[in-house]
Amino acid sequence: MDPAYDVLVYGPVFCDIIFTDLPSLPVLGTEIFAGDLTATVGGSAIVAAGLHRLARVGLIADLGADPFSAIIRSVLDDIGLERTLIREHPIPCARPWRSPSRRTGPSSRASRSWPPPRI
């Protein structure tokens, strides 16, 4: 029997927003402009994308009806990583995120979670 996957990756996926060509590091209370912006997969999806180059990978995660989930779907499709183990939800998936601040330190924001999938 040949298993469908060599590796299973489970965990939250994120849409990483990367600003490049910054003239300097941001300073609290000031505004700077980036020369470019890239949106790509993060969290468990970046692990699955890297492993996908070496093996047959199944990504177990949740995506919703929101713009960031659409970006994640698009990137996974572009690299050829199948999405059969990803649960699709008809509502936006709120993700935990961190907002660094010199005064208060990292602060958590909204999140929504679902129970682990049965496989």
N, C-alpha and C. Protein backbone atom coordinates (compact mmCIF):
# COMPACT_ATOMS: atom_id res chain seq x y z
N MET A 1 0.84 -1.19 0.00
CA MET A 1 0.00 0.00 0.00
C MET A 1 0.88 1.25 0.00
N ASP A 2 0.60 2.17 -0.89
CA ASP A 2 1.35 3.41 -1.02
C ASP A 2 0.55 4.53 -0.37
N PRO A 3 1.07 5.14 0.73
CA PRO A 3 0.29 6.22 1.36
C PRO A 3 0.17 7.42 0.43
N ALA A 4 -0.91 8.16 0.61
CA ALA A 4 -1.15 9.34 -0.24
C ALA A 4 -0.11 10.43 0.02
N TYR A 5 0.43 10.48 1.24
CA TYR A 5 1.38 11.54 1.60
C TYR A 5 2.59 10.94 2.31
N ASP A 6 3.72 11.56 2.10
CA ASP A 6 4.92 11.20 2.86
C ASP A 6 4.96 11.96 4.19
N VAL A 7 4.39 13.17 4.17
CA VAL A 7 4.41 14.05 5.34
C VAL A 7 3.06 14.74 5.47
N LEU A 8 2.56 14.83 6.70
CA LEU A 8 1.38 15.65 7.00
C LEU A 8 1.82 16.83 7.85
N VAL A 9 1.37 18.02 7.47
CA VAL A 9 1.67 19.23 8.22
C VAL A 9 0.34 19.77 8.74
N TYR A 10 0.27 20.00 10.07
CA TYR A 10 -0.97 20.48 10.69
C TYR A 10 -0.68 21.75 11.48
N GLY A 11 -1.54 22.73 11.31
CA GLY A 11 -1.41 23.94 12.11
C GLY A 11 -2.04 25.12 11.41
N PRO A 12 -2.09 26.25 12.09
CA PRO A 12 -2.68 27.45 11.48
C PRO A 12 -1.83 27.97 10.33
N VAL A 13 -2.50 28.47 9.31
CA VAL A 13 -1.80 29.10 8.20
C VAL A 13 -2.02 30.61 8.30
N PHE A 14 -1.05 31.35 7.82
CA PHE A 14 -1.10 32.80 7.87
C PHE A 14 -0.74 33.37 6.51
N CYS A 15 -1.17 34.57 6.27
CA CYS A 15 -0.76 35.31 5.09
C CYS A 15 0.29 36.30 5.56
N ASP A 16 1.55 36.05 5.19
CA ASP A 16 2.63 36.94 5.59
C ASP A 16 2.68 38.14 4.64
N ILE A 17 2.66 39.32 5.19
CA ILE A 17 2.77 40.56 4.44
C ILE A 17 4.18 41.10 4.69
N ILE A 18 4.98 41.19 3.64
CA ILE A 18 6.38 41.57 3.77
C ILE A 18 6.62 42.89 3.06
N PHE A 19 7.03 43.90 3.80
CA PHE A 19 7.37 45.21 3.24
C PHE A 19 8.88 45.24 2.98
N THR A 20 9.26 45.68 1.78
CA THR A 20 10.68 45.76 1.43
C THR A 20 11.02 47.16 0.95
N ASP A 21 12.30 47.39 0.76
CA ASP A 21 12.81 48.69 0.32
C ASP A 21 12.37 49.82 1.25
N LEU A 22 12.52 49.58 2.55
CA LEU A 22 12.21 50.61 3.54
C LEU A 22 13.39 51.57 3.65
N PRO A 23 13.14 52.86 3.70
CA PRO A 23 14.24 53.81 3.83
C PRO A 23 14.93 53.75 5.18
N SER A 24 14.20 53.28 6.21
CA SER A 24 14.74 53.15 7.56
C SER A 24 13.81 52.26 8.35
N LEU A 25 14.20 51.92 9.55
CA LEU A 25 13.30 51.18 10.42
C LEU A 25 12.20 52.11 10.91
N PRO A 26 10.99 51.58 11.07
CA PRO A 26 9.90 52.44 11.56
C PRO A 26 10.18 52.92 12.99
N VAL A 27 9.77 54.12 13.26
CA VAL A 27 9.87 54.70 14.59
C VAL A 27 8.45 54.96 15.08
N LEU A 28 8.19 54.59 16.33
CA LEU A 28 6.86 54.75 16.90
C LEU A 28 6.35 56.18 16.70
N GLY A 29 5.17 56.31 16.13
CA GLY A 29 4.56 57.61 15.94
C GLY A 29 4.92 58.28 14.62
N THR A 30 5.72 57.62 13.79
CA THR A 30 6.08 58.20 12.49
C THR A 30 5.59 57.29 11.37
N GLU A 31 5.60 57.81 10.18
CA GLU A 31 5.14 57.06 9.01
C GLU A 31 6.27 56.97 8.01
N ILE A 32 6.50 55.77 7.46
CA ILE A 32 7.46 55.61 6.37
C ILE A 32 6.76 54.83 5.26
N PHE A 33 7.32 54.87 4.07
CA PHE A 33 6.72 54.20 2.93
C PHE A 33 7.66 53.12 2.41
N ALA A 34 7.08 51.94 2.15
CA ALA A 34 7.85 50.83 1.60
C ALA A 34 7.90 50.96 0.09
N GLY A 35 9.00 50.50 -0.49
CA GLY A 35 9.13 50.51 -1.93
C GLY A 35 8.37 49.38 -2.60
N ASP A 36 8.13 48.29 -1.85
CA ASP A 36 7.43 47.14 -2.41
C ASP A 36 6.77 46.35 -1.30
N LEU A 37 5.87 45.48 -1.71
CA LEU A 37 5.09 44.67 -0.77
C LEU A 37 4.90 43.30 -1.40
N THR A 38 5.07 42.24 -0.60
CA THR A 38 4.84 40.87 -1.04
C THR A 38 3.91 40.21 -0.05
N ALA A 39 2.94 39.44 -0.56
CA ALA A 39 2.06 38.63 0.28
C ALA A 39 2.31 37.18 -0.08
N THR A 40 2.57 36.37 0.93
CA THR A 40 2.86 34.95 0.71
C THR A 40 2.36 34.13 1.88
N VAL A 41 2.55 32.82 1.81
CA VAL A 41 2.07 31.94 2.88
C VAL A 41 3.01 31.98 4.07
N GLY A 42 2.45 31.78 5.25
CA GLY A 42 3.22 31.70 6.48
C GLY A 42 2.63 30.64 7.39
N GLY A 43 3.15 30.54 8.58
CA GLY A 43 2.68 29.53 9.52
C GLY A 43 2.98 28.13 9.01
N SER A 44 2.05 27.21 9.19
CA SER A 44 2.28 25.82 8.75
C SER A 44 2.34 25.71 7.23
N ALA A 45 1.76 26.67 6.52
CA ALA A 45 1.79 26.62 5.06
C ALA A 45 3.20 26.81 4.51
N ILE A 46 4.02 27.62 5.16
CA ILE A 46 5.39 27.80 4.67
C ILE A 46 6.21 26.54 4.91
N VAL A 47 5.92 25.84 5.99
CA VAL A 47 6.59 24.56 6.25
C VAL A 47 6.18 23.54 5.17
N ALA A 48 4.88 23.46 4.90
CA ALA A 48 4.39 22.54 3.88
C ALA A 48 4.96 22.88 2.50
N ALA A 49 5.06 24.17 2.19
CA ALA A 49 5.61 24.60 0.89
C ALA A 49 7.07 24.17 0.75
N GLY A 50 7.85 24.30 1.80
CA GLY A 50 9.24 23.87 1.75
C GLY A 50 9.37 22.37 1.62
N LEU A 51 8.60 21.63 2.40
CA LEU A 51 8.64 20.16 2.34
C LEU A 51 8.13 19.64 1.00
N HIS A 52 7.23 20.38 0.38
CA HIS A 52 6.65 19.98 -0.90
C HIS A 52 7.72 19.80 -1.98
N ARG A 53 8.84 20.48 -1.83
CA ARG A 53 9.95 20.34 -2.78
C ARG A 53 10.62 18.99 -2.65
N LEU A 54 10.45 18.32 -1.50
CA LEU A 54 11.14 17.07 -1.22
C LEU A 54 10.24 15.85 -1.17
N ALA A 55 8.95 16.05 -0.91
CA ALA A 55 8.07 14.90 -0.66
C ALA A 55 6.63 15.24 -1.00
N ARG A 56 5.77 14.23 -0.91
CA ARG A 56 4.32 14.43 -1.09
C ARG A 56 3.76 14.90 0.25
N VAL A 57 3.22 16.11 0.26
CA VAL A 57 2.82 16.76 1.51
C VAL A 57 1.32 16.98 1.55
N GLY A 58 0.72 16.66 2.68
CA GLY A 58 -0.67 17.01 2.94
C GLY A 58 -0.71 18.10 3.99
N LEU A 59 -1.37 19.21 3.67
CA LEU A 59 -1.49 20.33 4.61
C LEU A 59 -2.87 20.29 5.24
N ILE A 60 -2.92 20.15 6.54
CA ILE A 60 -4.18 20.12 7.28
C ILE A 60 -4.33 21.49 7.94
N ALA A 61 -5.31 22.25 7.47
CA ALA A 61 -5.48 23.62 7.96
C ALA A 61 -6.90 24.08 7.66
N ASP A 62 -7.19 25.31 8.03
CA ASP A 62 -8.49 25.94 7.79
C ASP A 62 -8.32 27.20 6.97
N LEU A 63 -9.21 27.40 5.99
CA LEU A 63 -9.27 28.64 5.23
C LEU A 63 -10.72 29.10 5.20
N GLY A 64 -10.91 30.40 5.06
CA GLY A 64 -12.26 30.95 5.06
C GLY A 64 -12.55 31.79 3.84
N ALA A 65 -13.61 32.55 3.95
CA ALA A 65 -14.05 33.43 2.87
C ALA A 65 -13.56 34.84 3.14
N ASP A 66 -12.26 35.03 3.03
CA ASP A 66 -11.66 36.33 3.29
C ASP A 66 -10.50 36.54 2.32
N PRO A 67 -10.08 37.78 2.12
CA PRO A 67 -9.01 38.06 1.15
C PRO A 67 -7.69 37.36 1.47
N PHE A 68 -7.33 37.24 2.73
CA PHE A 68 -6.06 36.59 3.07
C PHE A 68 -6.11 35.10 2.75
N SER A 69 -7.24 34.46 3.01
CA SER A 69 -7.39 33.05 2.64
C SER A 69 -7.29 32.88 1.13
N ALA A 70 -7.84 33.83 0.37
CA ALA A 70 -7.75 33.76 -1.10
C ALA A 70 -6.29 33.85 -1.56
N ILE A 71 -5.49 34.69 -0.92
CA ILE A 71 -4.07 34.79 -1.27
C ILE A 71 -3.38 33.47 -0.97
N ILE A 72 -3.67 32.89 0.20
CA ILE A 72 -3.05 31.62 0.58
C ILE A 72 -3.42 30.54 -0.43
N ARG A 73 -4.70 30.45 -0.82
CA ARG A 73 -5.12 29.47 -1.82
C ARG A 73 -4.33 29.64 -3.11
N SER A 74 -4.22 30.87 -3.56
CA SER A 74 -3.53 31.17 -4.81
C SER A 74 -2.06 30.75 -4.76
N VAL A 75 -1.37 31.06 -3.68
CA VAL A 75 0.04 30.70 -3.55
C VAL A 75 0.19 29.18 -3.50
N LEU A 76 -0.66 28.50 -2.75
CA LEU A 76 -0.59 27.03 -2.68
C LEU A 76 -0.83 26.41 -4.05
N ASP A 77 -1.78 26.96 -4.79
CA ASP A 77 -2.04 26.46 -6.15
C ASP A 77 -0.84 26.73 -7.06
N ASP A 78 -0.24 27.90 -6.95
CA ASP A 78 0.91 28.26 -7.79
C ASP A 78 2.09 27.31 -7.58
N ILE A 79 2.30 26.87 -6.34
CA ILE A 79 3.43 25.97 -6.09
C ILE A 79 3.06 24.51 -6.29
N GLY A 80 1.77 24.23 -6.52
CA GLY A 80 1.34 22.86 -6.79
C GLY A 80 1.07 22.02 -5.56
N LEU A 81 0.86 22.65 -4.42
CA LEU A 81 0.55 21.90 -3.20
C LEU A 81 -0.97 21.71 -3.13
N GLU A 82 -1.40 20.47 -3.13
CA GLU A 82 -2.84 20.22 -3.16
C GLU A 82 -3.51 20.64 -1.86
N ARG A 83 -4.81 20.93 -1.96
CA ARG A 83 -5.54 21.48 -0.82
C ARG A 83 -6.66 20.57 -0.35
N THR A 84 -6.58 19.28 -0.63
CA THR A 84 -7.68 18.38 -0.29
C THR A 84 -7.89 18.22 1.22
N LEU A 85 -6.88 18.41 2.02
CA LEU A 85 -7.03 18.27 3.47
C LEU A 85 -7.34 19.59 4.17
N ILE A 86 -7.44 20.66 3.40
CA ILE A 86 -7.75 21.97 3.98
C ILE A 86 -9.26 22.11 4.09
N ARG A 87 -9.72 22.45 5.28
CA ARG A 87 -11.15 22.67 5.48
C ARG A 87 -11.50 24.09 5.07
N GLU A 88 -12.52 24.20 4.23
CA GLU A 88 -12.99 25.50 3.76
C GLU A 88 -14.20 25.92 4.59
N HIS A 89 -14.21 27.16 5.05
CA HIS A 89 -15.30 27.69 5.85
C HIS A 89 -15.97 28.84 5.10
N PRO A 90 -17.29 28.94 5.19
CA PRO A 90 -18.01 29.98 4.44
C PRO A 90 -17.95 31.36 5.09
N ILE A 91 -17.19 31.49 6.15
CA ILE A 91 -17.06 32.77 6.86
C ILE A 91 -15.58 33.16 6.89
N PRO A 92 -15.28 34.43 7.12
CA PRO A 92 -13.87 34.82 7.22
C PRO A 92 -13.17 34.11 8.38
N CYS A 93 -11.93 33.78 8.18
CA CYS A 93 -11.12 33.16 9.24
C CYS A 93 -10.32 34.26 9.91
N ALA A 94 -10.70 34.61 11.11
CA ALA A 94 -9.89 35.57 11.88
C ALA A 94 -8.65 34.83 12.35
N ARG A 95 -7.51 35.44 12.24
CA ARG A 95 -6.26 34.81 12.62
C ARG A 95 -5.65 35.60 13.78
N PRO A 96 -4.95 34.91 14.68
CA PRO A 96 -4.22 35.68 15.69
C PRO A 96 -3.08 36.44 15.02
N TRP A 97 -2.82 37.63 15.46
CA TRP A 97 -1.70 38.39 14.94
C TRP A 97 -1.11 39.23 16.04
N ARG A 98 0.08 39.68 15.82
CA ARG A 98 0.77 40.46 16.85
C ARG A 98 1.09 41.85 16.32
N SER A 99 0.91 42.79 17.17
CA SER A 99 1.22 44.18 16.83
C SER A 99 2.27 44.66 17.83
N PRO A 100 3.53 44.76 17.43
CA PRO A 100 4.56 45.18 18.40
C PRO A 100 4.42 46.64 18.78
N SER A 101 4.69 46.92 20.01
CA SER A 101 4.64 48.29 20.51
C SER A 101 5.75 48.44 21.55
N ARG A 102 6.44 49.53 21.50
CA ARG A 102 7.50 49.77 22.48
C ARG A 102 6.94 49.92 23.89
N ARG A 103 5.75 50.49 23.98
CA ARG A 103 5.17 50.76 25.29
C ARG A 103 4.55 49.53 25.93
N THR A 104 3.86 48.73 25.14
CA THR A 104 3.10 47.63 25.74
C THR A 104 3.63 46.26 25.37
N GLY A 105 4.57 46.16 24.43
CA GLY A 105 5.05 44.86 23.97
C GLY A 105 4.05 44.25 23.01
N PRO A 106 4.32 43.02 22.56
CA PRO A 106 3.40 42.37 21.61
C PRO A 106 2.01 42.20 22.22
N SER A 107 0.99 42.42 21.42
CA SER A 107 -0.37 42.24 21.91
C SER A 107 -1.15 41.34 20.96
N SER A 108 -1.84 40.36 21.50
CA SER A 108 -2.62 39.44 20.68
C SER A 108 -3.92 40.09 20.24
N ARG A 109 -4.41 39.68 19.10
CA ARG A 109 -5.66 40.19 18.58
C ARG A 109 -6.64 39.04 18.39
N ALA A 110 -7.72 39.29 17.68
CA ALA A 110 -8.80 38.32 17.51
C ALA A 110 -8.34 37.01 16.89
N SER A 111 -8.99 35.93 17.28
CA SER A 111 -8.74 34.64 16.65
C SER A 111 -10.02 33.82 16.69
N ARG A 112 -10.10 32.89 15.78
CA ARG A 112 -11.22 31.95 15.74
C ARG A 112 -10.60 30.58 15.53
N SER A 113 -11.07 29.59 16.24
CA SER A 113 -10.50 28.26 16.06
C SER A 113 -11.59 27.23 15.86
N TRP A 114 -11.23 26.16 15.20
CA TRP A 114 -12.12 25.03 14.97
C TRP A 114 -11.45 23.82 15.55
N PRO A 115 -12.22 22.77 15.86
CA PRO A 115 -11.58 21.56 16.39
C PRO A 115 -10.69 20.91 15.34
N PRO A 116 -9.67 20.15 15.75
CA PRO A 116 -8.80 19.48 14.78
C PRO A 116 -9.62 18.56 13.86
N PRO A 117 -9.21 18.45 12.60
CA PRO A 117 -9.95 17.58 11.67
C PRO A 117 -9.74 16.11 11.99
N ARG A 118 -10.69 15.31 11.61
CA ARG A 118 -10.55 13.85 11.75
C ARG A 118 -9.98 13.30 10.45
N ILE A 119 -8.89 12.56 10.58
CA ILE A 119 -8.30 11.92 9.39
C ILE A 119 -8.13 10.45 9.60
